[in-house]
Protein backbone atom coordinates (compact mmCIF):
# COMPACT_ATOMS: atom_id res chain seq x y z
CA MET A 1 21.51 18.21 2.35
CA ALA A 2 18.25 19.47 3.81
CA THR A 3 15.04 18.65 1.98
CA THR A 4 13.04 21.77 1.07
CA PHE A 5 9.32 22.10 1.76
CA TYR A 6 8.48 22.41 -1.91
CA SER A 7 10.64 19.52 -3.11
CA GLN A 8 8.98 17.20 -0.58
CA ILE A 9 5.53 18.41 -1.61
CA ALA A 10 6.34 17.89 -5.30
CA ALA A 11 7.79 14.42 -4.70
CA ASN A 12 4.79 13.26 -2.69
CA ARG A 13 2.36 14.54 -5.32
CA ARG A 14 4.23 12.66 -8.05
CA ASN A 15 4.34 9.47 -6.00
CA SER A 16 0.64 9.64 -5.14
CA PHE A 17 -0.34 10.27 -8.76
CA LEU A 18 1.70 7.29 -9.93
CA LEU A 19 0.13 5.06 -7.29
CA VAL A 20 -3.37 6.05 -8.39
CA LEU A 21 -2.43 5.24 -11.98
CA VAL A 22 -1.45 1.77 -10.78
CA ILE A 23 -4.93 1.27 -9.29
CA VAL A 24 -6.62 2.51 -12.48
CA ALA A 25 -4.44 0.19 -14.59
CA LEU A 26 -5.26 -2.71 -12.27
CA LEU A 27 -9.00 -2.06 -12.60
CA ALA A 28 -8.73 -1.78 -16.39
CA LEU A 29 -6.69 -4.95 -16.70
CA LEU A 30 -9.08 -6.89 -14.47
CA GLY A 31 -12.12 -5.74 -16.46
CA PHE A 32 -10.57 -6.52 -19.85
CA THR A 33 -9.26 -9.97 -18.92
CA ILE A 34 -12.59 -10.98 -17.38
CA GLY A 35 -14.45 -9.81 -20.47
CA TYR A 36 -12.06 -11.42 -22.92
CA GLY A 37 -11.81 -14.62 -20.89
CA THR A 38 -15.58 -15.09 -20.70
CA THR A 39 -16.46 -14.07 -24.27
CA GLY A 40 -13.36 -14.97 -26.26
CA VAL A 41 -13.35 -11.70 -28.22
CA PRO A 42 -11.67 -8.31 -27.57
CA GLU A 43 -15.03 -6.56 -27.82
CA GLY A 44 -16.20 -8.54 -24.81
CA GLY A 45 -13.21 -7.31 -22.85
CA LEU A 46 -13.98 -3.70 -23.74
CA GLY A 47 -17.61 -4.23 -22.79
CA TRP A 48 -16.75 -5.51 -19.31
CA LEU A 49 -14.28 -2.67 -18.93
CA GLY A 50 -17.11 -0.24 -19.69
CA VAL A 51 -19.35 -1.87 -17.08
CA PHE A 52 -16.58 -1.58 -14.49
CA GLY A 53 -16.16 2.08 -15.35
CA VAL A 54 -19.88 2.85 -14.98
CA ILE A 55 -20.01 1.18 -11.55
CA ALA A 56 -16.93 3.12 -10.41
CA ILE A 57 -18.45 6.42 -11.58
CA VAL A 58 -21.81 5.81 -9.85
CA THR A 59 -20.22 4.86 -6.52
CA SER A 60 -17.85 7.83 -6.79
CA LEU A 61 -20.77 10.23 -7.22
CA VAL A 62 -22.54 8.80 -4.17
CA GLY A 63 -19.40 9.18 -2.07
CA TYR A 64 -18.71 12.64 -3.49
CA PHE A 65 -22.04 14.13 -2.40
CA SER A 66 -22.70 12.29 0.87
CA GLY A 67 -19.42 10.81 2.10
CA ASP A 68 -18.56 13.65 4.50
CA ARG A 69 -21.93 13.47 6.29
CA VAL A 70 -21.54 9.74 6.74
CA VAL A 71 -18.04 10.16 8.21
CA LEU A 72 -19.09 12.92 10.64
CA ALA A 73 -22.10 10.92 11.82
CA ALA A 74 -20.04 7.74 12.24
CA SER A 75 -17.47 9.69 14.28
CA LYS A 76 -20.17 11.23 16.51
CA ALA A 77 -18.79 14.68 15.75
CA ARG A 78 -20.88 17.67 16.84
CA PRO A 79 -20.69 21.28 15.60
CA VAL A 80 -18.83 23.64 17.90
CA THR A 81 -19.20 27.39 18.30
CA GLU A 82 -16.52 29.98 18.95
CA ALA A 83 -17.96 30.59 22.40
CA GLU A 84 -17.45 26.92 23.30
CA ALA A 85 -13.94 26.50 21.84
CA PRO A 86 -12.52 29.98 21.13
CA GLN A 87 -8.89 28.93 20.67
CA LEU A 88 -9.77 26.13 18.24
CA VAL A 89 -12.02 28.30 16.08
CA ASN A 90 -9.48 31.13 16.17
CA VAL A 91 -6.66 28.82 15.04
CA VAL A 92 -8.80 27.37 12.24
CA ARG A 93 -9.76 30.86 11.06
CA GLU A 94 -6.15 32.05 11.21
CA LEU A 95 -4.82 29.15 9.14
CA THR A 96 -7.62 29.19 6.58
CA LEU A 97 -6.63 32.79 5.87
CA ALA A 98 -3.01 31.67 5.46
CA ALA A 99 -4.10 28.84 3.17
CA GLY A 100 -6.42 31.04 1.14
CA ILE A 101 -9.42 28.73 1.54
CA PRO A 102 -12.94 29.26 2.95
CA MET A 103 -13.55 28.71 6.64
CA PRO A 104 -14.58 25.05 7.15
CA SER A 105 -17.22 23.85 9.58
CA VAL A 106 -15.63 22.98 12.92
CA TYR A 107 -16.62 19.91 14.93
CA LEU A 108 -15.70 18.35 18.27
CA ILE A 109 -15.52 14.65 19.14
CA ASP A 110 -16.07 14.01 22.84
CA ASP A 111 -13.18 11.61 23.43
CA THR A 112 -10.01 11.77 25.52
CA ALA A 113 -7.87 10.30 22.71
CA LEU A 114 -5.68 12.78 20.82
CA ASN A 115 -6.77 12.90 17.19
CA ALA A 116 -8.33 14.96 14.40
CA PHE A 117 -9.51 14.66 10.81
CA ALA A 118 -10.78 16.71 7.88
CA THR A 119 -13.48 15.71 5.42
CA GLY A 120 -15.41 17.19 2.51
CA ARG A 121 -15.35 17.12 -1.26
CA ASP A 122 -13.60 20.47 -1.74
CA PRO A 123 -12.53 23.56 0.26
CA ARG A 124 -16.03 25.08 -0.03
CA HIS A 125 -17.65 21.97 1.45
CA ALA A 126 -15.12 21.02 4.11
CA SER A 127 -15.24 20.20 7.79
CA ILE A 128 -12.54 19.70 10.40
CA ALA A 129 -13.07 17.71 13.60
CA VAL A 130 -10.81 17.39 16.64
CA THR A 131 -11.19 15.44 19.86
CA THR A 132 -11.66 17.13 23.21
CA GLY A 133 -8.56 15.28 24.39
CA LEU A 134 -6.49 17.00 21.71
CA LEU A 135 -7.70 20.44 22.82
CA ALA A 136 -6.90 19.64 26.44
CA ARG A 137 -3.35 18.39 25.84
CA LEU A 138 -1.85 20.58 23.12
CA ASP A 139 -0.67 24.17 23.44
CA ARG A 140 -1.50 26.75 20.77
CA GLU A 141 1.56 26.13 18.56
CA GLU A 142 1.02 22.36 18.67
CA LEU A 143 -2.67 22.83 17.86
CA GLN A 144 -1.68 25.04 14.93
CA GLY A 145 0.50 22.24 13.59
CA VAL A 146 -2.32 19.69 13.73
CA VAL A 147 -4.95 22.07 12.31
CA GLY A 148 -2.50 23.12 9.58
CA HIS A 149 -2.05 19.44 8.69
CA GLU A 150 -5.79 18.86 8.40
CA LEU A 151 -6.41 22.08 6.47
CA SER A 152 -3.63 21.03 4.10
CA HIS A 153 -5.66 17.89 3.36
CA VAL A 154 -8.52 20.23 2.43
CA ARG A 155 -6.41 22.65 0.40
CA ASN A 156 -4.61 19.84 -1.43
CA TYR A 157 -7.92 18.05 -2.18
CA ASP A 158 -6.63 14.99 -0.33
CA ILE A 159 -10.10 14.06 0.91
CA ARG A 160 -11.47 13.87 -2.64
CA TYR A 161 -8.31 12.09 -3.72
CA ALA A 162 -8.62 9.48 -0.97
CA MET A 163 -12.30 8.99 -1.79
CA LEU A 164 -11.46 8.30 -5.43
CA VAL A 165 -8.80 5.77 -4.51
CA GLY A 166 -11.12 4.11 -1.99
CA VAL A 167 -13.91 3.81 -4.57
CA LEU A 168 -11.58 2.30 -7.16
CA VAL A 169 -10.16 -0.21 -4.68
CA GLY A 170 -13.66 -1.05 -3.47
CA THR A 171 -14.83 -1.53 -7.06
CA ILE A 172 -11.94 -3.89 -7.72
CA ALA A 173 -12.75 -5.95 -4.63
CA LEU A 174 -16.50 -6.04 -5.33
CA LEU A 175 -16.28 -7.01 -9.00
CA ALA A 176 -13.49 -9.51 -8.40
CA ASP A 177 -15.64 -11.19 -5.78
CA VAL A 178 -18.69 -11.27 -8.08
CA PHE A 179 -16.63 -12.74 -10.91
CA LEU A 180 -15.14 -15.45 -8.72
CA ARG A 181 -18.55 -16.41 -7.34
CA MET A 182 -20.06 -16.57 -10.81
CA THR A 183 -17.12 -18.61 -12.04
CA PHE A 184 -17.06 -21.24 -9.32
CA TRP A 185 -20.82 -21.47 -8.67
CA GLY A 186 -22.40 -20.46 -11.97
CA GLY A 187 -20.04 -21.97 -14.51
CA LEU A 188 -19.14 -18.60 -16.02
CA GLY A 189 -16.73 -18.97 -18.93
CA ARG A 190 -17.74 -22.50 -19.88
CA ARG A 191 -20.72 -21.49 -21.96
CA SER A 192 -18.83 -19.66 -24.71
CA SER A 193 -18.05 -21.51 -27.91
CA SER A 194 -14.59 -20.10 -28.44
CA SER A 195 -13.44 -23.28 -30.16
CA ASP A 196 -15.75 -22.35 -33.04
CA ARG A 197 -13.82 -19.12 -33.42
CA GLY A 198 -10.43 -20.82 -33.40
CA GLY A 199 -9.32 -19.00 -30.26
CA GLY A 200 -10.07 -21.52 -27.56
CA GLY A 201 -6.49 -21.79 -26.31
CA LEU A 202 -6.00 -18.04 -26.00
CA GLN A 203 -9.37 -17.58 -24.32
CA ALA A 204 -8.60 -20.29 -21.79
CA LEU A 205 -5.25 -18.65 -21.00
CA VAL A 206 -6.83 -15.21 -20.58
CA PHE A 207 -9.61 -16.70 -18.45
CA MET A 208 -7.04 -18.24 -16.11
CA ILE A 209 -5.24 -14.89 -15.93
CA ALA A 210 -8.58 -13.25 -15.08
CA ILE A 211 -9.13 -15.69 -12.21
CA LEU A 212 -5.62 -15.04 -10.90
CA LEU A 213 -6.11 -11.27 -11.13
CA ALA A 214 -9.50 -11.51 -9.40
CA ILE A 215 -7.81 -13.26 -6.49
CA LEU A 216 -4.79 -10.96 -6.25
CA ALA A 217 -6.10 -7.58 -7.46
CA PRO A 218 -8.05 -6.62 -4.28
CA PHE A 219 -4.97 -7.37 -2.17
CA PHE A 220 -2.60 -5.33 -4.33
CA GLY A 221 -5.18 -2.57 -4.72
CA ARG A 222 -5.42 -2.28 -0.93
CA LEU A 223 -1.62 -2.11 -0.65
CA VAL A 224 -1.53 0.74 -3.17
CA GLN A 225 -4.34 2.54 -1.32
CA LEU A 226 -2.36 2.40 1.90
CA ALA A 227 0.76 3.65 0.12
CA VAL A 228 -1.22 6.59 -1.28
CA SER A 229 -2.51 7.37 2.23
CA ARG A 230 1.03 7.42 3.66
CA GLN A 231 2.26 9.70 0.88
CA ARG A 232 -0.56 12.16 1.54
CA GLU A 233 0.27 12.26 5.26
CA TYR A 234 3.85 13.29 4.48
CA LEU A 235 2.51 15.91 2.07
CA ALA A 236 0.11 17.33 4.67
CA ASP A 237 2.90 17.54 7.26
CA ALA A 238 5.07 19.50 4.84
CA SER A 239 2.16 21.73 3.85
CA SER A 240 1.35 22.42 7.51
CA VAL A 241 4.85 23.75 8.07
CA GLU A 242 4.42 25.90 4.97
CA LEU A 243 1.22 27.40 6.45
CA THR A 244 2.39 27.90 10.04
CA ARG A 245 6.05 28.75 9.24
CA ASN A 246 6.85 26.79 12.38
CA PRO A 247 8.13 23.19 12.05
CA TYR A 248 8.59 22.82 15.81
CA GLY A 249 4.92 23.13 16.74
CA LEU A 250 3.98 20.18 14.53
CA GLN A 251 7.02 18.20 15.68
CA ARG A 252 6.00 18.63 19.31
CA ALA A 253 2.39 17.76 18.51
CA LEU A 254 3.51 14.55 16.77
CA ALA A 255 5.65 13.64 19.78
CA VAL A 256 2.82 14.24 22.27
CA ILE A 257 0.31 12.30 20.17
CA ALA A 258 2.79 9.45 19.67
CA GLU A 259 2.86 8.91 23.44
CA ASP A 260 -0.94 8.90 23.75
CA GLN A 261 -2.33 5.48 24.68
CA GLU A 262 -6.03 6.40 24.66
CA VAL A 263 -8.28 4.46 22.26
CA LEU A 264 -10.58 6.49 20.02
CA GLU A 265 -13.84 4.59 20.52
CA VAL A 266 -15.68 5.96 17.47
CA ALA A 267 -12.98 5.01 14.96
CA ASN A 268 -13.21 1.94 12.73
CA ARG A 269 -11.29 0.37 9.87
CA ALA A 270 -13.41 2.17 7.27
CA THR A 271 -12.46 5.63 8.63
CA GLN A 272 -9.01 5.01 10.13
CA HIS A 273 -7.15 6.46 7.15
CA ILE A 274 -8.67 9.96 7.51
CA TYR A 275 -7.38 10.63 11.04
CA PHE A 276 -4.25 12.58 11.96
CA ARG A 277 -2.91 9.45 13.62
CA ASN A 278 -4.09 5.90 12.93
CA PRO A 279 -6.61 5.27 15.75
CA ILE A 280 -6.51 1.47 15.33
CA ARG A 281 -3.75 0.62 17.78
CA THR A 282 -3.07 -2.88 16.41
CA PHE A 283 -1.52 -1.22 13.39
CA GLU A 284 0.87 0.97 15.35
CA GLU A 285 3.29 -1.85 16.08
CA ARG A 286 3.53 -2.55 12.36
CA SER A 287 3.45 1.07 11.28
CA LYS A 288 6.47 0.69 9.05
CA GLY A 289 4.81 -2.14 7.15
CA LEU A 290 2.83 -2.30 3.95
CA PHE A 291 -0.50 -2.53 5.79
CA SER A 292 -0.29 0.79 7.65
CA THR A 293 -2.50 3.74 6.73
CA HIS A 294 -0.02 6.20 8.27
CA PRO A 295 3.77 6.51 8.40
CA PRO A 296 5.48 5.98 11.79
CA MET A 297 5.26 9.07 13.99
CA VAL A 298 9.03 9.22 14.49
CA GLU A 299 9.54 9.06 10.74
CA ARG A 300 7.12 11.94 10.25
CA ILE A 301 9.06 13.98 12.82
CA ASN A 302 12.35 13.16 11.09
CA ARG A 303 10.98 14.31 7.73
CA LEU A 304 10.25 17.68 9.32
CA ARG A 305 13.66 17.77 10.98
CA SER A 306 15.38 17.03 7.66
CA MET A 307 13.66 20.03 6.09
CA ALA A 308 15.21 22.19 8.82
CA GLY A 309 18.62 20.54 8.43
CA GLU A 310 18.42 18.87 11.84
CA ALA A 311 19.65 15.42 12.83
CA PRO A 312 17.08 12.59 13.01
CA ILE A 313 15.91 11.13 16.31
CA ASP A 314 14.70 7.72 17.42
CA ALA A 315 11.83 6.81 19.74
CA ALA A 316 13.98 7.63 22.78
CA GLY A 317 14.25 11.22 21.53
CA LEU A 318 10.52 11.93 21.68
CA PRO A 319 10.59 13.57 25.14
CA HIS A 320 13.26 15.98 23.86
CA VAL A 321 11.03 16.95 20.93
CA GLN A 322 8.12 17.51 23.32
CA GLY A 323 10.19 19.86 25.40
CA SER A 324 11.85 21.78 22.54
CA ASP A 325 11.27 25.50 22.15
């Protein structure tokens, strides 16, 4: 039975929300166990949890107001006018009208690799950037599919969502590292007199749990972050088809981009998750694994085909997709 656009969108939103809850729970558990393990009292756990929360809020605010400028500068994206790229600007304008969102700023990245990304904290402060290679290789329908995907990230607030998840995961990694360093080099946890309170055994157990969580939490937080990223890519693909009313343009674009072997020089591991296709090629061979920021390209095509009631393809079927009408 074919999967509908709206059922896939709803499922991906539920999955992403649940994954973010996992990260929040992991941060809360780490903060409480560290606090309880070092002080021996529940109030200490709540105090450390509060400190963790304040740090997460401050870093979130910094990313919220300046993250898009940092990303655009790091990607060497430059503003583009309608006179310079009339088809691109026209397609962006057309699809923003369909999406019911303000016109974003449009940028070009001078690179032959085929890629694109969107950034910004909300639809009123959004930007979309595409590479010159993408403009040169895709026809109008294929370009509509890619632009629709990126504008869906804007309309669905995926950029803000990804920023929040990234901040939480970064907070977990930072505070876990600080705790471990203080524990092994500063003797943290050995200065409390929990035996005087009659809870020495419980405190020691919780302290050991805190050490274990501090070691494992950044790893599991990163896995959840990558899972959230993959879910949002599926959601943006489905939303792009909803905007363009044309699943074949995006399918063909995915097939063309999947065959591209050019390396996007300006990409790095800090920004790889925002691109239409993961620009870090070492991850492509393991794109079905837990450590991928994006789903496999063939799998993304097959999700679109299932929504149209069509049979799935494998990698050998990509040329057929490229040539479909």
